[in-house]
């Protein structure tokens, strides 16, 4: 079974800096690269972040083998020929967090969607969640500094994981969380996840493993290949409960040059087997 996560860069229309170079970053143009990336991997489940209504319309048209589970900016696509949907839902994080001043959900884009699936070939079930957490930095030296941003991400992940864990208990099945957590492994957010028993699938991969950071510049001003970085800098994650239901095979990214102009996040995916 292949699980994929992809932050698509929510940008529906071309912008002046791209147009001045004769390039196009509209949804209609970039969907070609997204479809190529997704079909090259052919995941069973795809968790998305920064999705627009227009982009999802285009994807559903271009990827008829997949069904859509709507979930705001964090929808899910899955293969109904391989999986049966048992239950699904959506939750948008609040703009505020207890005890800290500030707004921590820009335009309501930070949310999670979940689903419980049954694999048709084995009748085994698993719970799945895709999420996008608050994006600004707690470092005062950062250009995108906002106080208490680490606390906001930690608060949000501590809302998401208990909901996923409740589904795992209800259906007696393993679970997997994917998403743009805007947090590195040694962040308070990921430390809170590890305290609950969740680990990054990257660290359990027994097969091929991509050790890059998984993102690069691709914004309104343009794009570039950028430094591949190291996994310790990664902010897109696939989390599982260590030793609870899944064996991890490969952990890879679609980081080919064709994708440099599609999104600032390279899609990440892993192969999982039921233990």
Protein backbone atom coordinates (compact mmCIF):
# COMPACT_ATOMS: atom_id res chain seq x y z
CA UNK A 1 0.00 0.00 0.00
CA UNK A 2 1.30 3.44 -0.93
CA UNK A 3 0.52 6.53 1.14
CA UNK A 4 1.36 9.99 -0.24
CA UNK A 5 1.30 13.56 1.10
CA UNK A 6 1.37 16.68 -1.08
CA UNK A 7 1.22 20.41 -0.34
CA UNK A 8 0.06 21.81 -3.68
CA UNK A 9 0.77 25.56 -3.20
CA UNK A 10 -2.63 27.27 -3.19
CA UNK A 11 -2.29 29.50 -6.25
CA UNK A 12 -5.11 29.41 -8.81
CA UNK A 13 -4.11 32.31 -11.08
CA UNK A 14 -0.98 33.37 -12.89
CA UNK A 15 0.94 36.25 -11.28
CA UNK A 16 2.87 39.16 -12.84
CA UNK A 17 6.41 37.94 -12.12
CA UNK A 18 5.71 34.59 -13.78
CA UNK A 19 3.86 36.12 -16.71
CA UNK A 20 6.74 38.55 -17.33
CA UNK A 21 8.98 35.52 -17.96
CA UNK A 22 6.43 33.85 -20.20
CA UNK A 23 5.54 31.27 -17.52
CA UNK A 24 2.27 30.31 -15.90
CA UNK A 25 1.63 29.26 -12.30
CA UNK A 26 -2.16 29.01 -12.60
CA UNK A 27 -4.03 25.94 -11.44
CA UNK A 28 -4.81 25.00 -15.03
CA UNK A 29 -1.09 24.90 -15.82
CA UNK A 30 0.29 23.38 -12.63
CA UNK A 31 -2.28 20.59 -12.48
CA UNK A 32 -0.39 18.88 -15.30
CA UNK A 33 2.68 18.51 -13.08
CA UNK A 34 0.62 17.39 -10.10
CA UNK A 35 -1.15 14.69 -12.11
CA UNK A 36 2.15 13.50 -13.58
CA UNK A 37 3.69 13.29 -10.09
CA UNK A 38 0.73 11.48 -8.57
CA UNK A 39 0.28 9.02 -11.43
CA UNK A 40 4.00 8.21 -11.44
CA UNK A 41 3.55 6.86 -7.90
CA UNK A 42 -0.11 5.74 -8.08
CA UNK A 43 -0.79 5.96 -4.34
CA UNK A 44 -3.67 4.18 -2.67
CA UNK A 45 -4.34 7.28 -0.56
CA UNK A 46 -3.21 10.86 -1.15
CA UNK A 47 -3.43 13.45 1.63
CA UNK A 48 -3.37 17.01 0.30
CA UNK A 49 -2.64 20.40 1.84
CA UNK A 50 -3.17 23.90 0.39
CA UNK A 51 -5.86 22.63 -1.96
CA UNK A 52 -8.13 25.07 -3.75
CA UNK A 53 -11.62 24.29 -4.98
CA UNK A 54 -10.46 24.88 -8.55
CA UNK A 55 -7.44 22.59 -8.24
CA UNK A 56 -9.55 19.78 -6.82
CA UNK A 57 -12.06 20.16 -9.64
CA UNK A 58 -9.24 19.81 -12.15
CA UNK A 59 -7.69 16.84 -10.36
CA UNK A 60 -10.97 14.94 -10.15
CA UNK A 61 -11.44 15.46 -13.89
CA UNK A 62 -7.90 14.31 -14.70
CA UNK A 63 -7.71 11.43 -12.20
CA UNK A 64 -10.93 9.41 -12.68
CA UNK A 65 -9.52 6.40 -10.81
CA UNK A 66 -9.69 8.38 -7.55
CA UNK A 67 -12.55 9.45 -5.27
CA UNK A 68 -12.48 12.75 -3.39
CA UNK A 69 -13.13 13.21 0.31
CA UNK A 70 -13.68 16.94 0.75
CA UNK A 71 -11.85 18.58 3.61
CA UNK A 72 -11.32 22.30 3.09
CA UNK A 73 -7.67 22.92 2.29
CA UNK A 74 -6.81 19.36 3.41
CA UNK A 75 -8.84 16.93 1.25
CA UNK A 76 -8.14 13.25 0.57
CA UNK A 77 -8.03 11.30 -2.69
CA UNK A 78 -8.22 7.50 -2.62
CA UNK A 79 -8.52 4.52 -4.97
CA UNK A 80 -12.03 3.01 -4.59
CA UNK A 81 -10.97 -0.05 -6.56
CA UNK A 82 -8.50 -0.85 -3.79
CA UNK A 83 -10.15 0.64 -0.71
CA UNK A 84 -13.63 0.87 0.77
CA UNK A 85 -14.46 4.02 2.72
CA UNK A 86 -15.88 3.31 6.18
CA UNK A 87 -15.99 6.77 7.77
CA UNK A 88 -14.64 10.26 7.12
CA UNK A 89 -14.70 13.74 8.60
CA UNK A 90 -13.18 17.22 8.68
CA UNK A 91 -12.07 19.69 11.36
CA UNK A 92 -10.83 23.27 11.02
CA UNK A 93 -8.50 24.51 13.77
CA UNK A 94 -9.55 27.59 15.72
CA UNK A 95 -7.74 30.85 15.08
CA UNK A 96 -6.98 31.15 18.80
CA UNK A 97 -5.18 28.85 21.21
CA UNK A 98 -5.67 28.87 24.98
CA UNK A 99 -3.46 31.21 27.04
CA UNK A 100 -1.68 32.82 24.05
CA UNK A 101 -2.51 35.97 22.15
CA UNK A 102 -2.60 35.94 18.36
CA UNK A 103 -4.36 34.45 15.35
CA UNK A 104 -3.05 31.05 14.28
CA UNK A 105 -5.17 30.06 11.28
CA UNK A 106 -4.68 32.25 8.23
CA UNK A 107 -7.92 32.37 6.19
CA UNK A 108 -9.10 29.16 7.84
CA UNK A 109 -6.61 27.09 5.86
CA UNK A 110 -5.28 25.03 8.78
CA UNK A 111 -7.31 21.90 9.30
CA UNK A 112 -7.40 18.14 9.15
CA UNK A 113 -9.47 15.57 7.27
CA UNK A 114 -9.67 11.91 8.24
CA UNK A 115 -10.93 8.65 6.84
CA UNK A 116 -11.13 5.01 7.83
CA UNK A 117 -10.53 2.59 4.98
CA UNK A 118 -10.79 -1.14 4.46
CA UNK A 119 -8.34 -2.69 2.03
CA UNK A 120 -10.38 -4.82 -0.37
CA UNK A 121 -7.67 -7.40 -0.95
CA UNK A 122 -7.15 -8.18 2.73
CA UNK A 123 -10.21 -6.80 4.57
CA UNK A 124 -7.74 -5.02 6.88
CA UNK A 125 -8.66 -1.53 8.08
CA UNK A 126 -6.61 1.56 8.81
CA UNK A 127 -7.25 5.15 9.84
CA UNK A 128 -5.79 8.01 7.83
CA UNK A 129 -5.44 11.74 8.48
CA UNK A 130 -4.02 14.65 6.50
CA UNK A 131 -3.33 17.97 8.20
CA UNK A 132 -1.76 21.39 7.71
CA UNK A 133 -0.49 23.17 10.81
CA UNK A 134 0.26 26.83 11.52
CA UNK A 135 3.12 28.16 9.41
CA UNK A 136 4.93 31.07 11.07
CA UNK A 137 8.16 30.91 13.10
CA UNK A 138 8.85 31.27 16.81
CA UNK A 139 12.36 32.52 16.03
CA UNK A 140 12.52 36.33 16.54
CA UNK A 141 15.17 36.54 13.83
CA UNK A 142 12.89 35.01 11.18
CA UNK A 143 11.20 37.18 8.55
CA UNK A 144 7.96 35.37 9.36
CA UNK A 145 8.22 35.59 13.15
CA UNK A 146 5.09 35.43 15.25
CA UNK A 147 5.23 34.78 18.99
CA UNK A 148 3.83 31.45 20.21
CA UNK A 149 3.88 29.80 16.77
CA UNK A 150 5.55 26.68 18.20
CA UNK A 151 2.87 26.52 20.87
CA UNK A 152 0.18 26.84 18.19
CA UNK A 153 1.52 23.88 16.19
CA UNK A 154 1.89 21.81 19.33
CA UNK A 155 -1.68 22.62 20.34
CA UNK A 156 -2.99 21.70 16.88
CA UNK A 157 -1.15 18.36 16.67
CA UNK A 158 -2.51 17.54 20.13
CA UNK A 159 -6.00 18.02 18.73
CA UNK A 160 -5.36 15.94 15.61
CA UNK A 161 -3.62 12.91 17.08
CA UNK A 162 -6.21 12.10 19.78
CA UNK A 163 -8.94 12.13 17.11
CA UNK A 164 -6.91 9.73 14.98
CA UNK A 165 -6.13 7.56 18.00
CA UNK A 166 -9.85 7.39 18.84
CA UNK A 167 -10.56 6.05 15.35
CA UNK A 168 -7.77 3.51 15.71
CA UNK A 169 -9.28 2.30 18.97
CA UNK A 170 -12.84 2.29 17.63
CA UNK A 171 -11.92 0.21 14.57
CA UNK A 172 -9.08 -1.73 16.18
CA UNK A 173 -6.69 -0.71 13.40
CA UNK A 174 -3.39 1.09 12.80
CA UNK A 175 -3.26 4.72 11.76
CA UNK A 176 -1.15 7.11 9.73
CA UNK A 177 -0.99 10.90 9.76
CA UNK A 178 0.47 12.86 6.86
CA UNK A 179 0.86 16.54 6.26
CA UNK A 180 2.69 19.80 6.17
CA UNK A 181 3.36 20.23 9.87
CA UNK A 182 5.61 23.26 9.37
CA UNK A 183 7.78 21.65 12.03
CA UNK A 184 11.14 19.88 12.01
CA UNK A 185 11.87 16.69 13.93
CA UNK A 186 13.31 18.48 16.96
CA UNK A 187 10.44 20.96 17.19
CA UNK A 188 8.06 21.04 20.18
CA UNK A 189 5.31 19.83 17.82
CA UNK A 190 7.12 16.64 16.80
CA UNK A 191 8.37 16.07 20.33
CA UNK A 192 4.74 16.15 21.49
CA UNK A 193 3.87 13.58 18.80
CA UNK A 194 6.73 11.31 19.87
CA UNK A 195 5.56 11.56 23.48
CA UNK A 196 2.31 9.97 22.29
CA UNK A 197 4.22 7.15 20.55
CA UNK A 198 4.22 8.56 17.00
CA UNK A 199 7.36 8.44 14.88
CA UNK A 200 8.27 9.52 11.38
CA UNK A 201 8.01 6.69 8.83
CA UNK A 202 11.33 7.92 7.44
CA UNK A 203 13.10 6.56 10.51
CA UNK A 204 11.54 3.09 10.16
CA UNK A 205 12.02 2.68 6.41
CA UNK A 206 13.58 -0.69 5.58
CA UNK A 207 13.87 -0.01 1.85
CA UNK A 208 14.89 3.02 -0.17
CA UNK A 209 14.94 6.29 1.75
CA UNK A 210 15.06 9.92 0.66
CA UNK A 211 17.09 12.01 3.10
CA UNK A 212 16.44 15.48 1.65
CA UNK A 213 14.39 18.25 3.27
CA UNK A 214 11.67 18.05 0.61
CA UNK A 215 11.06 21.70 -0.18
CA UNK A 216 12.51 24.51 -2.30
CA UNK A 217 11.63 28.07 -3.43
CA UNK A 218 8.47 28.24 -5.54
CA UNK A 219 6.53 31.40 -4.82
CA UNK A 220 4.89 34.38 -6.49
CA UNK A 221 8.29 35.81 -7.47
CA UNK A 222 9.35 32.60 -9.21
CA UNK A 223 11.09 29.31 -8.44
CA UNK A 224 14.48 27.64 -8.31
CA UNK A 225 15.90 24.19 -7.68
CA UNK A 226 17.52 25.13 -4.38
CA UNK A 227 19.63 23.11 -1.98
CA UNK A 228 18.33 19.57 -1.38
CA UNK A 229 18.94 19.99 2.35
CA UNK A 230 18.75 17.16 4.89
CA UNK A 231 15.85 15.31 6.45
CA UNK A 232 16.37 17.02 9.80
CA UNK A 233 15.05 20.17 8.08
CA UNK A 234 11.94 18.48 6.64
CA UNK A 235 8.54 19.94 7.53
CA UNK A 236 6.36 17.45 5.61
CA UNK A 237 5.91 14.25 7.57
CA UNK A 238 4.30 10.82 7.56
CA UNK A 239 3.72 9.64 11.12
CA UNK A 240 2.91 6.15 12.37
CA UNK A 241 2.79 4.51 15.79
CA UNK A 242 6.01 2.52 16.04
CA UNK A 243 5.38 -1.22 16.16
CA UNK A 244 1.61 -0.85 15.92
CA UNK A 245 0.29 -2.37 12.75
CA UNK A 246 2.52 -1.17 9.91
CA UNK A 247 5.87 -2.15 8.45
CA UNK A 248 7.55 0.63 6.45
CA UNK A 249 9.24 -0.18 3.16
CA UNK A 250 10.38 2.77 1.03
CA UNK A 251 10.24 6.45 1.99
CA UNK A 252 10.65 8.64 -1.07
CA UNK A 253 9.83 11.99 -2.71
CA UNK A 254 8.88 13.13 -6.19
CA UNK A 255 11.71 15.66 -6.35
CA UNK A 256 12.45 15.64 -10.08
CA UNK A 257 13.25 18.98 -11.77
CA UNK A 258 9.89 18.99 -13.60
CA UNK A 259 8.23 19.57 -10.23
CA UNK A 260 10.27 22.67 -9.32
CA UNK A 261 7.66 24.99 -10.87
CA UNK A 262 4.65 23.13 -9.43
CA UNK A 263 4.93 23.64 -5.67
CA UNK A 264 7.49 24.52 -3.01
CA UNK A 265 6.87 21.09 -1.44
CA UNK A 266 7.91 17.88 -3.18
CA UNK A 267 5.30 15.11 -2.66
CA UNK A 268 6.46 12.54 -0.13
CA UNK A 269 5.28 8.94 -0.08
CA UNK A 270 5.89 5.67 1.71
CA UNK A 271 5.04 2.01 1.19
CA UNK A 272 3.33 0.35 4.13
CA UNK A 273 2.47 -3.27 4.83
CA UNK A 274 0.15 -4.53 7.54
CA UNK A 275 2.20 -6.20 10.25
